[in-house]
Structures are given as structure tokens and as C-alpha cells.
């Protein structure tokens, strides 16, 4: 998985490419722990091919952190990833645009 970060003031966009699974989730988790000074976090999942329960857990963790700091949005979700969000109930937890 490739993680691309782009900061614009207090907003950070994290673009994920590839697979967010048991192997790659810890890497994203470490990036989320470094979010100093970020009020808005945007995940761009346009290039994300797959997400496992470990990946979902990292997104949930990021949501909890960002609820205290400002907000979090998920954008450009493919049909495959959106179906996983729907089946797991994450569509009710995450802000998906």
C-alpha cells in the first residue's frame, strides 16, 4: 500500500493506494498518530482496492481521534469499498462523501 499525505493549513489529505489489510494497517496507524495540528482529516480512497477488518479498525481509530480535534471525511470511495462499509455498518459511523 502507498500512503500519500498532503497538508494544506490545518487540513491533511491522506490518499491510499493498494490494499489496506493486516500487513499495511499498522503503517497507516502510525501515520495517524502523528496528526499534530490537523483539524480536518480527509481520506481519499480513489486508488484503494481492498480493505480488511484491520483497515476498518484503523479508520475507526482515526475517526475517534479526529472527533476530538475537528472532523474526518472519506472521499472517492469505490463501489467495492462502499459495499464493505455498508455490510459492516461503517456507513453510519464514518462521514463518506
Protein backbone atom coordinates (compact mmCIF):
# COMPACT_ATOMS: atom_id res chain seq x y z
CA UNK A 1 0.00 0.00 0.00
CA UNK A 2 1.12 3.53 -0.74
CA UNK A 3 0.26 6.41 1.60
CA UNK A 4 0.41 9.92 0.17
CA UNK A 5 -0.05 12.87 2.53
CA UNK A 6 -0.80 16.43 1.52
CA UNK A 7 -1.17 19.21 4.09
CA UNK A 8 -2.97 22.48 3.45
CA UNK A 9 -3.02 24.57 6.62
CA UNK A 10 -4.92 22.61 9.27
CA UNK A 11 -6.25 20.10 6.73
CA UNK A 12 -4.50 16.90 5.77
CA UNK A 13 -5.45 14.67 2.85
CA UNK A 14 -4.26 11.08 3.04
CA UNK A 15 -4.56 9.20 -0.25
CA UNK A 16 -4.36 5.43 -0.04
CA UNK A 17 -3.37 3.21 -2.94
CA UNK A 18 -3.47 -0.58 -2.98
CA UNK A 19 -4.66 -2.80 -0.12
CA UNK A 20 -5.34 -1.74 3.46
CA UNK A 21 -5.09 -5.04 5.32
CA UNK A 22 -3.43 -6.73 8.29
CA UNK A 23 0.01 -6.19 6.78
CA UNK A 24 -0.37 -2.49 5.90
CA UNK A 25 -2.79 -1.23 8.58
CA UNK A 26 -0.06 -0.70 11.23
CA UNK A 27 1.76 1.66 8.84
CA UNK A 28 -1.36 3.82 8.44
CA UNK A 29 -1.99 3.66 12.19
CA UNK A 30 1.48 5.12 12.82
CA UNK A 31 0.78 7.98 10.38
CA UNK A 32 -2.49 8.79 12.15
CA UNK A 33 -0.73 9.02 15.50
CA UNK A 34 1.42 11.85 14.05
CA UNK A 35 -1.51 14.19 13.27
CA UNK A 36 -0.35 17.21 15.27
CA UNK A 37 -2.08 20.46 14.33
CA UNK A 38 -4.59 18.80 11.99
CA UNK A 39 -8.22 19.91 12.43
CA UNK A 40 -9.63 18.18 9.38
CA UNK A 41 -8.55 14.82 8.03
CA UNK A 42 -9.62 13.68 4.57
CA UNK A 43 -9.08 10.13 3.34
CA UNK A 44 -9.05 9.83 -0.44
CA UNK A 45 -9.78 6.18 -1.24
CA UNK A 46 -9.93 6.54 -5.03
CA UNK A 47 -6.99 4.12 -5.51
CA UNK A 48 -7.82 1.77 -2.62
CA UNK A 49 -8.53 -1.73 -3.94
CA UNK A 50 -9.33 -3.60 -0.73
CA UNK A 51 -9.88 -3.01 2.98
CA UNK A 52 -9.85 -5.69 5.69
CA UNK A 53 -11.13 -5.60 9.27
CA UNK A 54 -7.69 -4.34 10.34
CA UNK A 55 -8.04 -1.43 7.92
CA UNK A 56 -11.54 -0.69 9.18
CA UNK A 57 -10.20 -0.63 12.73
CA UNK A 58 -7.58 1.98 11.76
CA UNK A 59 -10.24 4.18 10.12
CA UNK A 60 -12.41 3.88 13.23
CA UNK A 61 -9.45 4.84 15.40
CA UNK A 62 -8.76 7.86 13.17
CA UNK A 63 -12.44 8.87 13.43
CA UNK A 64 -12.28 8.77 17.24
CA UNK A 65 -9.11 10.90 17.28
CA UNK A 66 -10.50 13.42 14.79
CA UNK A 67 -13.83 13.74 16.64
CA UNK A 68 -11.82 15.41 19.41
CA UNK A 69 -9.73 17.57 17.06
CA UNK A 70 -12.20 18.62 14.38
CA UNK A 71 -13.50 16.22 11.76
CA UNK A 72 -12.81 13.48 9.29
CA UNK A 73 -14.21 12.82 5.83
CA UNK A 74 -13.77 9.91 3.44
CA UNK A 75 -13.94 10.69 -0.28
CA UNK A 76 -13.84 8.86 -3.62
CA UNK A 77 -15.00 5.51 -2.28
CA UNK A 78 -15.28 2.77 -4.92
CA UNK A 79 -18.35 0.53 -5.10
CA UNK A 80 -16.36 -2.39 -3.71
CA UNK A 81 -15.11 -0.46 -0.65
CA UNK A 82 -18.51 1.18 -0.15
CA UNK A 83 -20.14 -2.26 -0.05
CA UNK A 84 -17.74 -3.28 2.74
CA UNK A 85 -18.64 -0.08 4.62
CA UNK A 86 -22.35 -0.87 4.20
CA UNK A 87 -22.09 -4.51 5.28
CA UNK A 88 -20.07 -3.61 8.38
CA UNK A 89 -22.25 -0.63 9.33
CA UNK A 90 -19.40 1.84 8.83
CA UNK A 91 -21.61 4.00 6.59
CA UNK A 92 -23.39 5.02 9.81
CA UNK A 93 -20.14 5.76 11.66
CA UNK A 94 -17.96 7.47 9.05
CA UNK A 95 -18.65 10.63 7.05
CA UNK A 96 -18.46 9.47 3.44
CA UNK A 97 -18.77 11.93 0.56
